[in-house]
Amino acid sequence: MECCQCQGIEAKFDQAYVSEQLENYRNDGLKKTAIQLIDALQAEDIQGLSLLDIGGGVGGLQHALLNSGVRNAINVEAASAYLEACKVEAERQGHAAAIDHMQGNFVEIAEDVPAADIVTLDRVICCYHDMPNLVGLSAKKATRFYGVVYPRDIWFLKLIVQIYYNFRHWVNRNSMRVFIHPTEAVEALLRENGFSRHFHRNMGVWQVAVFKRK
């Protein structure tokens, strides 16, 4: 992972940070936006389908969808601490045999990543600078559904991100940046790849959407 953003992600999501996130997941469960994404996917016939979860963190989305009838999952994760935590949690929940793990920047390794019926990116688009490649390449991997949670494209959120997140990262000499990518640009890429928006809900500063291949 040679890009500056990926190096920043590796530094930001270190062992201490990820251990805290895993503990929070075990104590409190999934975030409300992730639950909404799962509910929207569960409204479809997902029994026996395959999942590709990009930037899956500790794996909460994977476990919930496997419990809902998804057959197997591929976890693509850039941060090594998150990848190891996901493996540990998969063992704990009895899903180790159902999840294949791949470490790396998805855009760089996309050629080696198998396609799946469902592709999910939960709070991932905002962590990557090259949105067109991330969305475009990941959309090509989805044969039926594309589920995403990402920030709403609103002016005051952009200001907050620059001041609260990106300035702090700059001060701490971390090259990771947070991005508010235009909603229309994201959706246009998905339309170009044969998807139509099937579900959408705004939840605070986040938006949850599921796209279905035509």
N, C-alpha and C. Protein backbone atom coordinates (compact mmCIF):
# COMPACT_ATOMS: atom_id res chain seq x y z
N MET A 1 0.85 -1.19 0.00
CA MET A 1 0.00 0.00 0.00
C MET A 1 0.89 1.24 0.00
N GLU A 2 1.22 1.71 -1.16
CA GLU A 2 2.17 2.80 -1.27
C GLU A 2 1.53 4.18 -1.17
N CYS A 3 0.23 4.31 -1.41
CA CYS A 3 -0.38 5.64 -1.42
C CYS A 3 -0.37 6.24 -0.02
N CYS A 4 -0.26 7.57 0.04
CA CYS A 4 -0.19 8.27 1.32
C CYS A 4 -1.45 8.05 2.16
N GLN A 5 -2.61 8.01 1.50
CA GLN A 5 -3.86 7.79 2.22
C GLN A 5 -3.85 6.44 2.93
N CYS A 6 -3.39 5.41 2.24
CA CYS A 6 -3.36 4.08 2.84
C CYS A 6 -2.37 4.00 3.99
N GLN A 7 -1.25 4.69 3.87
CA GLN A 7 -0.29 4.74 4.97
C GLN A 7 -0.90 5.44 6.18
N GLY A 8 -1.67 6.49 5.91
CA GLY A 8 -2.35 7.18 6.99
C GLY A 8 -3.41 6.32 7.65
N ILE A 9 -4.13 5.53 6.85
CA ILE A 9 -5.14 4.62 7.39
C ILE A 9 -4.49 3.59 8.30
N GLU A 10 -3.37 3.03 7.86
CA GLU A 10 -2.65 2.03 8.67
C GLU A 10 -2.22 2.63 10.01
N ALA A 11 -1.76 3.88 9.99
CA ALA A 11 -1.32 4.54 11.22
C ALA A 11 -2.50 4.91 12.12
N LYS A 12 -3.59 5.39 11.52
CA LYS A 12 -4.77 5.81 12.28
C LYS A 12 -5.42 4.62 12.97
N PHE A 13 -5.65 3.56 12.20
CA PHE A 13 -6.35 2.39 12.73
C PHE A 13 -5.33 1.38 13.25
N ASP A 14 -4.64 1.77 14.31
CA ASP A 14 -3.61 0.91 14.89
C ASP A 14 -4.23 -0.06 15.88
N GLN A 15 -3.39 -0.84 16.54
CA GLN A 15 -3.88 -1.90 17.43
C GLN A 15 -4.74 -1.34 18.56
N ALA A 16 -4.31 -0.24 19.16
CA ALA A 16 -5.06 0.34 20.27
C ALA A 16 -6.44 0.81 19.82
N TYR A 17 -6.48 1.49 18.69
CA TYR A 17 -7.76 2.00 18.16
C TYR A 17 -8.69 0.84 17.83
N VAL A 18 -8.18 -0.16 17.15
CA VAL A 18 -9.01 -1.28 16.70
C VAL A 18 -9.49 -2.12 17.88
N SER A 19 -8.66 -2.29 18.88
CA SER A 19 -9.07 -3.04 20.08
C SER A 19 -10.26 -2.37 20.75
N GLU A 20 -10.23 -1.05 20.79
CA GLU A 20 -11.36 -0.30 21.36
C GLU A 20 -12.62 -0.48 20.51
N GLN A 21 -12.46 -0.45 19.18
CA GLN A 21 -13.61 -0.64 18.30
C GLN A 21 -14.20 -2.04 18.44
N LEU A 22 -13.35 -3.03 18.59
CA LEU A 22 -13.83 -4.40 18.76
C LEU A 22 -14.59 -4.55 20.07
N GLU A 23 -14.07 -3.94 21.12
CA GLU A 23 -14.76 -3.98 22.41
C GLU A 23 -16.11 -3.28 22.32
N ASN A 24 -16.15 -2.14 21.64
CA ASN A 24 -17.42 -1.43 21.47
C ASN A 24 -18.43 -2.28 20.70
N TYR A 25 -17.96 -2.95 19.66
CA TYR A 25 -18.85 -3.81 18.87
C TYR A 25 -19.41 -4.95 19.73
N ARG A 26 -18.55 -5.56 20.53
CA ARG A 26 -19.00 -6.68 21.36
C ARG A 26 -19.96 -6.22 22.46
N ASN A 27 -19.76 -5.02 22.95
CA ASN A 27 -20.62 -4.51 24.03
C ASN A 27 -21.91 -3.88 23.51
N ASP A 28 -21.81 -3.15 22.41
CA ASP A 28 -22.93 -2.33 21.95
C ASP A 28 -23.54 -2.78 20.62
N GLY A 29 -22.88 -3.67 19.91
CA GLY A 29 -23.41 -4.12 18.62
C GLY A 29 -23.08 -3.14 17.50
N LEU A 30 -23.79 -3.30 16.41
CA LEU A 30 -23.56 -2.49 15.21
C LEU A 30 -24.09 -1.07 15.36
N LYS A 31 -23.51 -0.15 14.61
CA LYS A 31 -24.03 1.21 14.56
C LYS A 31 -25.38 1.21 13.85
N LYS A 32 -26.18 2.25 14.12
CA LYS A 32 -27.54 2.31 13.57
C LYS A 32 -27.54 2.33 12.05
N THR A 33 -26.54 2.98 11.45
CA THR A 33 -26.49 3.02 9.99
C THR A 33 -26.23 1.64 9.41
N ALA A 34 -25.37 0.86 10.07
CA ALA A 34 -25.09 -0.50 9.60
C ALA A 34 -26.34 -1.37 9.74
N ILE A 35 -27.06 -1.19 10.84
CA ILE A 35 -28.31 -1.95 11.04
C ILE A 35 -29.31 -1.61 9.94
N GLN A 36 -29.39 -0.33 9.58
CA GLN A 36 -30.31 0.07 8.51
C GLN A 36 -29.89 -0.55 7.17
N LEU A 37 -28.60 -0.58 6.89
CA LEU A 37 -28.13 -1.20 5.66
C LEU A 37 -28.48 -2.68 5.63
N ILE A 38 -28.29 -3.36 6.75
CA ILE A 38 -28.62 -4.78 6.84
C ILE A 38 -30.12 -4.99 6.64
N ASP A 39 -30.94 -4.16 7.29
CA ASP A 39 -32.39 -4.28 7.14
C ASP A 39 -32.81 -4.12 5.68
N ALA A 40 -32.19 -3.15 4.99
CA ALA A 40 -32.54 -2.91 3.59
C ALA A 40 -32.15 -4.10 2.72
N LEU A 41 -31.02 -4.72 3.01
CA LEU A 41 -30.61 -5.91 2.26
C LEU A 41 -31.47 -7.11 2.61
N GLN A 42 -31.83 -7.23 3.88
CA GLN A 42 -32.68 -8.35 4.30
C GLN A 42 -34.06 -8.29 3.66
N ALA A 43 -34.48 -7.11 3.26
CA ALA A 43 -35.78 -6.97 2.59
C ALA A 43 -35.77 -7.62 1.21
N GLU A 44 -34.57 -7.90 0.70
CA GLU A 44 -34.42 -8.60 -0.57
C GLU A 44 -34.22 -10.09 -0.30
N ASP A 45 -34.22 -10.88 -1.34
CA ASP A 45 -33.98 -12.31 -1.21
C ASP A 45 -32.47 -12.55 -1.25
N ILE A 46 -31.84 -12.57 -0.08
CA ILE A 46 -30.38 -12.71 -0.03
C ILE A 46 -29.95 -14.10 0.43
N GLN A 47 -30.89 -15.00 0.62
CA GLN A 47 -30.54 -16.35 1.05
C GLN A 47 -29.59 -17.01 0.05
N GLY A 48 -28.47 -17.50 0.56
CA GLY A 48 -27.52 -18.22 -0.27
C GLY A 48 -26.64 -17.37 -1.15
N LEU A 49 -26.72 -16.04 -1.00
CA LEU A 49 -25.90 -15.16 -1.83
C LEU A 49 -24.50 -15.00 -1.24
N SER A 50 -23.59 -14.50 -2.04
CA SER A 50 -22.22 -14.25 -1.59
C SER A 50 -22.03 -12.76 -1.32
N LEU A 51 -21.08 -12.44 -0.44
CA LEU A 51 -20.85 -11.06 -0.01
C LEU A 51 -19.39 -10.68 -0.20
N LEU A 52 -19.17 -9.49 -0.69
CA LEU A 52 -17.85 -8.85 -0.70
C LEU A 52 -17.96 -7.59 0.14
N ASP A 53 -17.29 -7.58 1.29
CA ASP A 53 -17.34 -6.43 2.21
C ASP A 53 -15.99 -5.73 2.15
N ILE A 54 -15.99 -4.51 1.64
CA ILE A 54 -14.75 -3.75 1.46
C ILE A 54 -14.59 -2.78 2.63
N GLY A 55 -13.45 -2.88 3.32
CA GLY A 55 -13.24 -2.03 4.49
C GLY A 55 -14.16 -2.41 5.62
N GLY A 56 -14.24 -3.69 5.89
CA GLY A 56 -15.24 -4.22 6.83
C GLY A 56 -14.94 -4.03 8.29
N GLY A 57 -13.80 -3.45 8.64
CA GLY A 57 -13.51 -3.21 10.05
C GLY A 57 -13.42 -4.50 10.83
N VAL A 58 -14.12 -4.58 11.95
CA VAL A 58 -14.08 -5.78 12.79
C VAL A 58 -14.97 -6.88 12.25
N GLY A 59 -15.72 -6.60 11.18
CA GLY A 59 -16.51 -7.63 10.52
C GLY A 59 -17.96 -7.72 10.93
N GLY A 60 -18.46 -6.72 11.62
CA GLY A 60 -19.84 -6.77 12.10
C GLY A 60 -20.87 -6.98 11.02
N LEU A 61 -20.70 -6.29 9.90
CA LEU A 61 -21.64 -6.43 8.78
C LEU A 61 -21.61 -7.84 8.23
N GLN A 62 -20.42 -8.40 8.12
CA GLN A 62 -20.27 -9.76 7.60
C GLN A 62 -21.02 -10.76 8.47
N HIS A 63 -20.84 -10.66 9.78
CA HIS A 63 -21.47 -11.61 10.69
C HIS A 63 -22.99 -11.49 10.66
N ALA A 64 -23.49 -10.27 10.62
CA ALA A 64 -24.94 -10.07 10.58
C ALA A 64 -25.55 -10.65 9.31
N LEU A 65 -24.89 -10.45 8.18
CA LEU A 65 -25.43 -10.95 6.92
C LEU A 65 -25.27 -12.47 6.80
N LEU A 66 -24.19 -13.01 7.35
CA LEU A 66 -24.06 -14.47 7.39
C LEU A 66 -25.16 -15.07 8.25
N ASN A 67 -25.48 -14.43 9.35
CA ASN A 67 -26.57 -14.90 10.21
C ASN A 67 -27.93 -14.76 9.53
N SER A 68 -27.99 -13.89 8.50
CA SER A 68 -29.24 -13.67 7.78
C SER A 68 -29.40 -14.57 6.56
N GLY A 69 -28.42 -15.45 6.34
CA GLY A 69 -28.56 -16.40 5.24
C GLY A 69 -27.57 -16.26 4.11
N VAL A 70 -26.71 -15.23 4.16
CA VAL A 70 -25.66 -15.12 3.15
C VAL A 70 -24.74 -16.33 3.27
N ARG A 71 -24.32 -16.86 2.12
CA ARG A 71 -23.57 -18.12 2.08
C ARG A 71 -22.13 -17.97 2.55
N ASN A 72 -21.44 -16.98 2.04
CA ASN A 72 -20.04 -16.77 2.40
C ASN A 72 -19.67 -15.31 2.17
N ALA A 73 -18.50 -14.92 2.67
CA ALA A 73 -18.09 -13.52 2.58
C ALA A 73 -16.61 -13.42 2.26
N ILE A 74 -16.26 -12.35 1.55
CA ILE A 74 -14.87 -11.96 1.34
C ILE A 74 -14.67 -10.63 2.03
N ASN A 75 -13.68 -10.56 2.88
CA ASN A 75 -13.36 -9.34 3.61
C ASN A 75 -12.09 -8.73 3.03
N VAL A 76 -12.21 -7.54 2.44
CA VAL A 76 -11.03 -6.83 1.92
C VAL A 76 -10.77 -5.65 2.84
N GLU A 77 -9.61 -5.64 3.46
CA GLU A 77 -9.30 -4.63 4.48
C GLU A 77 -7.89 -4.09 4.28
N ALA A 78 -7.77 -2.76 4.32
CA ALA A 78 -6.46 -2.12 4.14
C ALA A 78 -5.64 -2.09 5.42
N ALA A 79 -6.31 -1.95 6.57
CA ALA A 79 -5.61 -1.81 7.84
C ALA A 79 -5.33 -3.18 8.45
N SER A 80 -4.07 -3.46 8.72
CA SER A 80 -3.69 -4.79 9.22
C SER A 80 -4.31 -5.10 10.58
N ALA A 81 -4.42 -4.10 11.45
CA ALA A 81 -5.01 -4.34 12.77
C ALA A 81 -6.47 -4.73 12.66
N TYR A 82 -7.20 -4.08 11.75
CA TYR A 82 -8.60 -4.44 11.52
C TYR A 82 -8.71 -5.85 10.95
N LEU A 83 -7.83 -6.21 10.04
CA LEU A 83 -7.88 -7.54 9.44
C LEU A 83 -7.72 -8.62 10.50
N GLU A 84 -6.76 -8.43 11.40
CA GLU A 84 -6.54 -9.42 12.45
C GLU A 84 -7.72 -9.48 13.41
N ALA A 85 -8.29 -8.32 13.73
CA ALA A 85 -9.46 -8.29 14.62
C ALA A 85 -10.64 -9.00 13.99
N CYS A 86 -10.80 -8.82 12.68
CA CYS A 86 -11.89 -9.48 11.97
C CYS A 86 -11.73 -10.99 12.01
N LYS A 87 -10.51 -11.47 11.87
CA LYS A 87 -10.25 -12.91 11.95
C LYS A 87 -10.57 -13.46 13.33
N VAL A 88 -10.16 -12.73 14.36
CA VAL A 88 -10.43 -13.14 15.74
C VAL A 88 -11.93 -13.21 15.99
N GLU A 89 -12.65 -12.18 15.54
CA GLU A 89 -14.10 -12.15 15.77
C GLU A 89 -14.80 -13.23 14.96
N ALA A 90 -14.30 -13.54 13.78
CA ALA A 90 -14.88 -14.61 12.97
C ALA A 90 -14.75 -15.95 13.68
N GLU A 91 -13.62 -16.19 14.31
CA GLU A 91 -13.43 -17.41 15.09
C GLU A 91 -14.42 -17.45 16.26
N ARG A 92 -14.55 -16.32 16.93
CA ARG A 92 -15.43 -16.26 18.11
C ARG A 92 -16.87 -16.53 17.75
N GLN A 93 -17.30 -16.04 16.57
CA GLN A 93 -18.70 -16.19 16.18
C GLN A 93 -18.95 -17.44 15.33
N GLY A 94 -17.92 -18.23 15.10
CA GLY A 94 -18.10 -19.46 14.35
C GLY A 94 -18.22 -19.28 12.85
N HIS A 95 -17.68 -18.16 12.34
CA HIS A 95 -17.78 -17.87 10.91
C HIS A 95 -16.43 -17.94 10.19
N ALA A 96 -15.42 -18.47 10.84
CA ALA A 96 -14.08 -18.46 10.25
C ALA A 96 -14.04 -19.16 8.90
N ALA A 97 -14.74 -20.27 8.78
CA ALA A 97 -14.71 -21.04 7.53
C ALA A 97 -15.49 -20.36 6.41
N ALA A 98 -16.36 -19.42 6.77
CA ALA A 98 -17.23 -18.77 5.77
C ALA A 98 -16.66 -17.46 5.26
N ILE A 99 -15.57 -16.98 5.85
CA ILE A 99 -15.01 -15.67 5.46
C ILE A 99 -13.58 -15.84 4.96
N ASP A 100 -13.33 -15.34 3.77
CA ASP A 100 -11.97 -15.25 3.23
C ASP A 100 -11.48 -13.82 3.40
N HIS A 101 -10.25 -13.67 3.83
CA HIS A 101 -9.69 -12.35 4.12
C HIS A 101 -8.61 -11.98 3.10
N MET A 102 -8.67 -10.74 2.64
CA MET A 102 -7.65 -10.21 1.73
C MET A 102 -7.21 -8.86 2.25
N GLN A 103 -5.91 -8.68 2.43
CA GLN A 103 -5.41 -7.39 2.91
C GLN A 103 -4.86 -6.57 1.76
N GLY A 104 -5.21 -5.28 1.75
CA GLY A 104 -4.66 -4.38 0.76
C GLY A 104 -5.62 -3.28 0.39
N ASN A 105 -5.11 -2.34 -0.37
CA ASN A 105 -5.92 -1.26 -0.94
C ASN A 105 -6.77 -1.87 -2.05
N PHE A 106 -8.08 -1.88 -1.89
CA PHE A 106 -8.96 -2.55 -2.85
C PHE A 106 -8.69 -2.10 -4.28
N VAL A 107 -8.50 -0.81 -4.48
CA VAL A 107 -8.28 -0.29 -5.83
C VAL A 107 -7.04 -0.93 -6.46
N GLU A 108 -6.02 -1.16 -5.65
CA GLU A 108 -4.78 -1.73 -6.16
C GLU A 108 -4.88 -3.23 -6.41
N ILE A 109 -5.71 -3.93 -5.63
CA ILE A 109 -5.79 -5.39 -5.74
C ILE A 109 -7.09 -5.85 -6.38
N ALA A 110 -7.89 -4.92 -6.89
CA ALA A 110 -9.22 -5.26 -7.41
C ALA A 110 -9.19 -6.40 -8.43
N GLU A 111 -8.17 -6.44 -9.23
CA GLU A 111 -8.06 -7.48 -10.26
C GLU A 111 -8.07 -8.88 -9.67
N ASP A 112 -7.59 -9.00 -8.42
CA ASP A 112 -7.49 -10.30 -7.76
C ASP A 112 -8.69 -10.61 -6.86
N VAL A 113 -9.59 -9.66 -6.71
CA VAL A 113 -10.74 -9.84 -5.81
C VAL A 113 -11.90 -10.45 -6.59
N PRO A 114 -12.46 -11.56 -6.10
CA PRO A 114 -13.59 -12.19 -6.80
C PRO A 114 -14.84 -11.33 -6.76
N ALA A 115 -15.72 -11.53 -7.73
CA ALA A 115 -17.02 -10.88 -7.72
C ALA A 115 -17.92 -11.54 -6.68
N ALA A 116 -18.99 -10.85 -6.30
CA ALA A 116 -19.95 -11.39 -5.34
C ALA A 116 -21.34 -10.87 -5.67
N ASP A 117 -22.35 -11.55 -5.14
CA ASP A 117 -23.73 -11.11 -5.36
C ASP A 117 -23.98 -9.75 -4.72
N ILE A 118 -23.42 -9.56 -3.52
CA ILE A 118 -23.60 -8.32 -2.76
C ILE A 118 -22.24 -7.70 -2.49
N VAL A 119 -22.11 -6.41 -2.73
CA VAL A 119 -20.91 -5.67 -2.34
C VAL A 119 -21.32 -4.58 -1.35
N THR A 120 -20.59 -4.46 -0.25
CA THR A 120 -20.91 -3.44 0.75
C THR A 120 -19.67 -2.60 1.07
N LEU A 121 -19.91 -1.30 1.26
CA LEU A 121 -18.89 -0.36 1.73
C LEU A 121 -19.53 0.49 2.82
N ASP A 122 -19.29 0.12 4.06
CA ASP A 122 -19.89 0.79 5.20
C ASP A 122 -18.90 1.81 5.77
N ARG A 123 -19.17 3.10 5.51
CA ARG A 123 -18.31 4.21 5.97
C ARG A 123 -16.88 4.05 5.43
N VAL A 124 -16.80 3.72 4.16
CA VAL A 124 -15.51 3.49 3.51
C VAL A 124 -15.21 4.56 2.46
N ILE A 125 -16.21 4.96 1.70
CA ILE A 125 -16.00 5.93 0.62
C ILE A 125 -15.38 7.22 1.16
N CYS A 126 -15.76 7.60 2.37
CA CYS A 126 -15.25 8.84 2.96
C CYS A 126 -13.78 8.74 3.37
N CYS A 127 -13.25 7.53 3.38
CA CYS A 127 -11.86 7.33 3.78
C CYS A 127 -10.92 7.16 2.59
N TYR A 128 -11.44 7.41 1.38
CA TYR A 128 -10.59 7.18 0.21
C TYR A 128 -10.64 8.37 -0.73
N HIS A 129 -9.47 8.76 -1.21
CA HIS A 129 -9.35 9.97 -2.02
C HIS A 129 -9.85 9.78 -3.45
N ASP A 130 -9.66 8.59 -4.01
CA ASP A 130 -10.00 8.33 -5.41
C ASP A 130 -11.36 7.64 -5.50
N MET A 131 -12.41 8.40 -5.21
CA MET A 131 -13.75 7.82 -5.20
C MET A 131 -14.13 7.18 -6.53
N PRO A 132 -13.87 7.80 -7.68
CA PRO A 132 -14.28 7.18 -8.95
C PRO A 132 -13.73 5.77 -9.15
N ASN A 133 -12.47 5.57 -8.81
CA ASN A 133 -11.90 4.23 -8.95
C ASN A 133 -12.46 3.26 -7.91
N LEU A 134 -12.60 3.73 -6.68
CA LEU A 134 -13.14 2.86 -5.63
C LEU A 134 -14.55 2.41 -5.96
N VAL A 135 -15.42 3.35 -6.28
CA VAL A 135 -16.81 3.00 -6.58
C VAL A 135 -16.92 2.26 -7.91
N GLY A 136 -16.21 2.74 -8.92
CA GLY A 136 -16.29 2.10 -10.23
C GLY A 136 -15.83 0.66 -10.21
N LEU A 137 -14.68 0.40 -9.60
CA LEU A 137 -14.14 -0.96 -9.56
C LEU A 137 -14.97 -1.87 -8.66
N SER A 138 -15.43 -1.35 -7.53
CA SER A 138 -16.23 -2.18 -6.63
C SER A 138 -17.61 -2.48 -7.22
N ALA A 139 -18.17 -1.54 -7.97
CA ALA A 139 -19.47 -1.78 -8.61
C ALA A 139 -19.37 -2.92 -9.62
N LYS A 140 -18.25 -3.02 -10.28
CA LYS A 140 -18.06 -4.09 -11.27
C LYS A 140 -18.01 -5.46 -10.60
N LYS A 141 -17.73 -5.50 -9.30
CA LYS A 141 -17.67 -6.77 -8.58
C LYS A 141 -19.05 -7.24 -8.10
N ALA A 142 -20.04 -6.34 -8.10
CA ALA A 142 -21.37 -6.67 -7.58
C ALA A 142 -22.26 -7.19 -8.69
N THR A 143 -22.76 -8.41 -8.54
CA THR A 143 -23.62 -8.98 -9.58
C THR A 143 -25.10 -8.70 -9.33
N ARG A 144 -25.47 -8.35 -8.06
CA ARG A 144 -26.89 -8.11 -7.78
C ARG A 144 -27.15 -6.85 -6.96
N PHE A 145 -26.45 -6.70 -5.83
CA PHE A 145 -26.73 -5.58 -4.94
C PHE A 145 -25.44 -4.86 -4.55
N TYR A 146 -25.59 -3.53 -4.34
CA TYR A 146 -24.47 -2.70 -3.91
C TYR A 146 -24.98 -1.84 -2.76
N GLY A 147 -24.45 -2.09 -1.56
CA GLY A 147 -24.90 -1.36 -0.39
C GLY A 147 -23.82 -0.46 0.16
N VAL A 148 -24.20 0.76 0.53
CA VAL A 148 -23.19 1.73 0.93
C VAL A 148 -23.71 2.66 2.02
N VAL A 149 -22.81 2.99 2.94
CA VAL A 149 -23.05 4.04 3.94
C VAL A 149 -21.94 5.07 3.76
N TYR A 150 -22.32 6.32 3.52
CA TYR A 150 -21.30 7.36 3.34
C TYR A 150 -21.89 8.72 3.72
N PRO A 151 -21.05 9.74 3.95
CA PRO A 151 -21.55 11.02 4.45
C PRO A 151 -22.46 11.74 3.45
N ARG A 152 -23.40 12.46 3.99
CA ARG A 152 -24.26 13.31 3.16
C ARG A 152 -23.46 14.48 2.61
N ASP A 153 -23.81 14.89 1.43
CA ASP A 153 -23.10 15.96 0.74
C ASP A 153 -23.70 17.31 1.14
N ILE A 154 -23.33 17.78 2.35
CA ILE A 154 -23.88 19.03 2.87
C ILE A 154 -22.72 19.93 3.33
N TRP A 155 -22.91 21.25 3.14
CA TRP A 155 -21.79 22.18 3.29
C TRP A 155 -21.20 22.22 4.69
N PHE A 156 -22.06 22.19 5.71
CA PHE A 156 -21.52 22.34 7.07
C PHE A 156 -20.74 21.09 7.48
N LEU A 157 -21.11 19.94 6.92
CA LEU A 157 -20.36 18.73 7.22
C LEU A 157 -18.96 18.79 6.61
N LYS A 158 -18.87 19.36 5.43
CA LYS A 158 -17.56 19.54 4.80
C LYS A 158 -16.66 20.42 5.67
N LEU A 159 -17.25 21.46 6.26
CA LEU A 159 -16.50 22.36 7.12
C LEU A 159 -16.03 21.63 8.38
N ILE A 160 -16.92 20.86 8.98
CA ILE A 160 -16.57 20.10 10.19
C ILE A 160 -15.44 19.12 9.90
N VAL A 161 -15.54 18.44 8.78
CA VAL A 161 -14.52 17.45 8.41
C VAL A 161 -13.15 18.11 8.26
N GLN A 162 -13.12 19.27 7.61
CA GLN A 162 -11.85 19.95 7.41
C GLN A 162 -11.24 20.41 8.73
N ILE A 163 -12.07 20.94 9.63
CA ILE A 163 -11.57 21.49 10.88
C ILE A 163 -11.29 20.40 11.91
N TYR A 164 -12.26 19.51 12.10
CA TYR A 164 -12.17 18.55 13.21
C TYR A 164 -11.30 17.34 12.87
N TYR A 165 -11.41 16.85 11.64
CA TYR A 165 -10.67 15.65 11.27
C TYR A 165 -9.36 15.96 10.54
N ASN A 166 -9.48 16.60 9.40
CA ASN A 166 -8.30 16.76 8.55
C ASN A 166 -7.24 17.67 9.15
N PHE A 167 -7.66 18.72 9.86
CA PHE A 167 -6.67 19.58 10.50
C PHE A 167 -5.94 18.82 11.61
N ARG A 168 -6.68 18.03 12.38
CA ARG A 168 -6.05 17.24 13.44
C ARG A 168 -5.07 16.22 12.87
N HIS A 169 -5.48 15.58 11.77
CA HIS A 169 -4.57 14.63 11.13
C HIS A 169 -3.30 15.33 10.65
N TRP A 170 -3.46 16.53 10.11
CA TRP A 170 -2.30 17.30 9.65
C TRP A 170 -1.37 17.64 10.81
N VAL A 171 -1.96 18.09 11.91
CA VAL A 171 -1.17 18.43 13.10
C VAL A 171 -0.41 17.21 13.61
N ASN A 172 -1.08 16.05 13.57
CA ASN A 172 -0.47 14.80 14.05
C ASN A 172 0.42 14.13 13.00
N ARG A 173 0.58 14.81 11.86
CA ARG A 173 1.41 14.30 10.77
C ARG A 173 0.93 12.95 10.25
N ASN A 174 -0.37 12.80 10.24
CA ASN A 174 -0.98 11.60 9.66
C ASN A 174 -1.52 11.98 8.29
N SER A 175 -1.15 11.24 7.28
CA SER A 175 -1.53 11.59 5.90
C SER A 175 -2.96 11.20 5.54
N MET A 176 -3.67 10.52 6.45
CA MET A 176 -5.06 10.18 6.16
C MET A 176 -5.93 11.43 6.13
N ARG A 177 -6.84 11.50 5.18
CA ARG A 177 -7.81 12.58 5.10
C ARG A 177 -9.20 11.99 4.96
N VAL A 178 -10.19 12.73 5.42
CA VAL A 178 -11.60 12.33 5.30
C VAL A 178 -12.22 13.16 4.18
N PHE A 179 -13.07 12.53 3.38
CA PHE A 179 -13.62 13.18 2.19
C PHE A 179 -15.15 13.12 2.18
N ILE A 180 -15.76 14.21 1.74
CA ILE A 180 -17.20 14.23 1.48
C ILE A 180 -17.36 14.24 -0.04
N HIS A 181 -17.57 13.10 -0.61
CA HIS A 181 -17.70 13.00 -2.06
C HIS A 181 -19.13 13.33 -2.48
N PRO A 182 -19.32 14.00 -3.61
CA PRO A 182 -20.67 14.38 -4.05
C PRO A 182 -21.57 13.17 -4.27
N THR A 183 -22.75 13.23 -3.68
CA THR A 183 -23.71 12.13 -3.82
C THR A 183 -24.02 11.84 -5.28
N GLU A 184 -24.24 12.88 -6.06
CA GLU A 184 -24.59 12.68 -7.47
C GLU A 184 -23.47 11.99 -8.22
N ALA A 185 -22.22 12.30 -7.88
CA ALA A 185 -21.09 11.66 -8.56
C ALA A 185 -21.03 10.17 -8.23
N VAL A 186 -21.28 9.83 -6.97
CA VAL A 186 -21.31 8.42 -6.56
C VAL A 186 -22.42 7.68 -7.30
N GLU A 187 -23.61 8.26 -7.29
CA GLU A 187 -24.75 7.58 -7.90
C GLU A 187 -24.62 7.51 -9.42
N ALA A 188 -24.01 8.52 -10.02
CA ALA A 188 -23.81 8.49 -11.48
C ALA A 188 -22.91 7.33 -11.87
N LEU A 189 -21.87 7.09 -11.09
CA LEU A 189 -20.97 5.97 -11.37
C LEU A 189 -21.71 4.64 -11.27
N LEU A 190 -22.58 4.53 -10.30
CA LEU A 190 -23.33 3.29 -10.14
C LEU A 190 -24.34 3.10 -11.27
N ARG A 191 -24.96 4.19 -11.70
CA ARG A 191 -25.86 4.09 -12.86
C ARG A 191 -25.09 3.66 -14.11
N GLU A 192 -23.90 4.21 -14.28
CA GLU A 192 -23.08 3.85 -15.44
C GLU A 192 -22.71 2.37 -15.42
N ASN A 193 -22.67 1.79 -14.23
CA ASN A 193 -22.33 0.38 -14.09
C ASN A 193 -23.55 -0.52 -14.01
N GLY A 194 -24.71 0.02 -14.39
CA GLY A 194 -25.91 -0.81 -14.51
C GLY A 194 -26.77 -0.94 -13.28
N PHE A 195 -26.61 -0.02 -12.32
CA PHE A 195 -27.40 -0.08 -11.08
C PHE A 195 -28.43 1.04 -11.02
N SER A 196 -29.51 0.77 -10.32
CA SER A 196 -30.49 1.80 -10.00
C SER A 196 -30.68 1.81 -8.48
N ARG A 197 -30.95 3.00 -7.94
CA ARG A 197 -31.11 3.11 -6.48
C ARG A 197 -32.42 2.48 -6.06
N HIS A 198 -32.32 1.56 -5.13
CA HIS A 198 -33.48 0.77 -4.69
C HIS A 198 -33.96 1.20 -3.31
N PHE A 199 -33.03 1.73 -2.50
CA PHE A 199 -33.35 2.17 -1.14
C PHE A 199 -32.43 3.32 -0.78
N HIS A 200 -32.99 4.31 -0.06
CA HIS A 200 -32.16 5.42 0.42
C HIS A 200 -32.78 6.00 1.68
N ARG A 201 -31.90 6.31 2.64
CA ARG A 201 -32.36 6.97 3.87
C ARG A 201 -31.24 7.83 4.43
N ASN A 202 -31.56 9.07 4.78
CA ASN A 202 -30.63 9.94 5.48
C ASN A 202 -30.73 9.67 6.97
N MET A 203 -29.57 9.52 7.62
CA MET A 203 -29.53 9.27 9.06
C MET A 203 -28.48 10.21 9.67
N GLY A 204 -28.93 11.37 10.12
CA GLY A 204 -27.99 12.36 10.64
C GLY A 204 -27.06 12.83 9.54
N VAL A 205 -25.76 12.72 9.76
CA VAL A 205 -24.78 13.15 8.76
C VAL A 205 -24.50 12.05 7.73
N TRP A 206 -25.09 10.88 7.92
CA TRP A 206 -24.84 9.75 7.04
C TRP A 206 -26.03 9.50 6.12
N GLN A 207 -25.76 8.82 5.00
CA GLN A 207 -26.81 8.32 4.14
C GLN A 207 -26.56 6.84 3.87
N VAL A 208 -27.65 6.10 3.85
CA VAL A 208 -27.61 4.66 3.62
C VAL A 208 -28.34 4.38 2.31
N ALA A 209 -27.71 3.63 1.43
CA ALA A 209 -28.33 3.37 0.13
C ALA A 209 -28.03 1.95 -0.33
N VAL A 210 -29.01 1.36 -0.99
CA VAL A 210 -28.84 0.05 -1.64
C VAL A 210 -29.20 0.22 -3.10
N PHE A 211 -28.32 -0.25 -3.96
CA PHE A 211 -28.53 -0.20 -5.40
C PHE A 211 -28.70 -1.62 -5.92
N LYS A 212 -29.55 -1.75 -6.92
CA LYS A 212 -29.85 -3.07 -7.48
C LYS A 212 -29.48 -3.08 -8.96
N ARG A 213 -28.80 -4.14 -9.37
CA ARG A 213 -28.43 -4.23 -10.78
C ARG A 213 -29.68 -4.45 -11.63
N LYS A 214 -29.78 -3.69 -12.72
CA LYS A 214 -30.97 -3.75 -13.57
C LYS A 214 -31.02 -5.08 -14.32
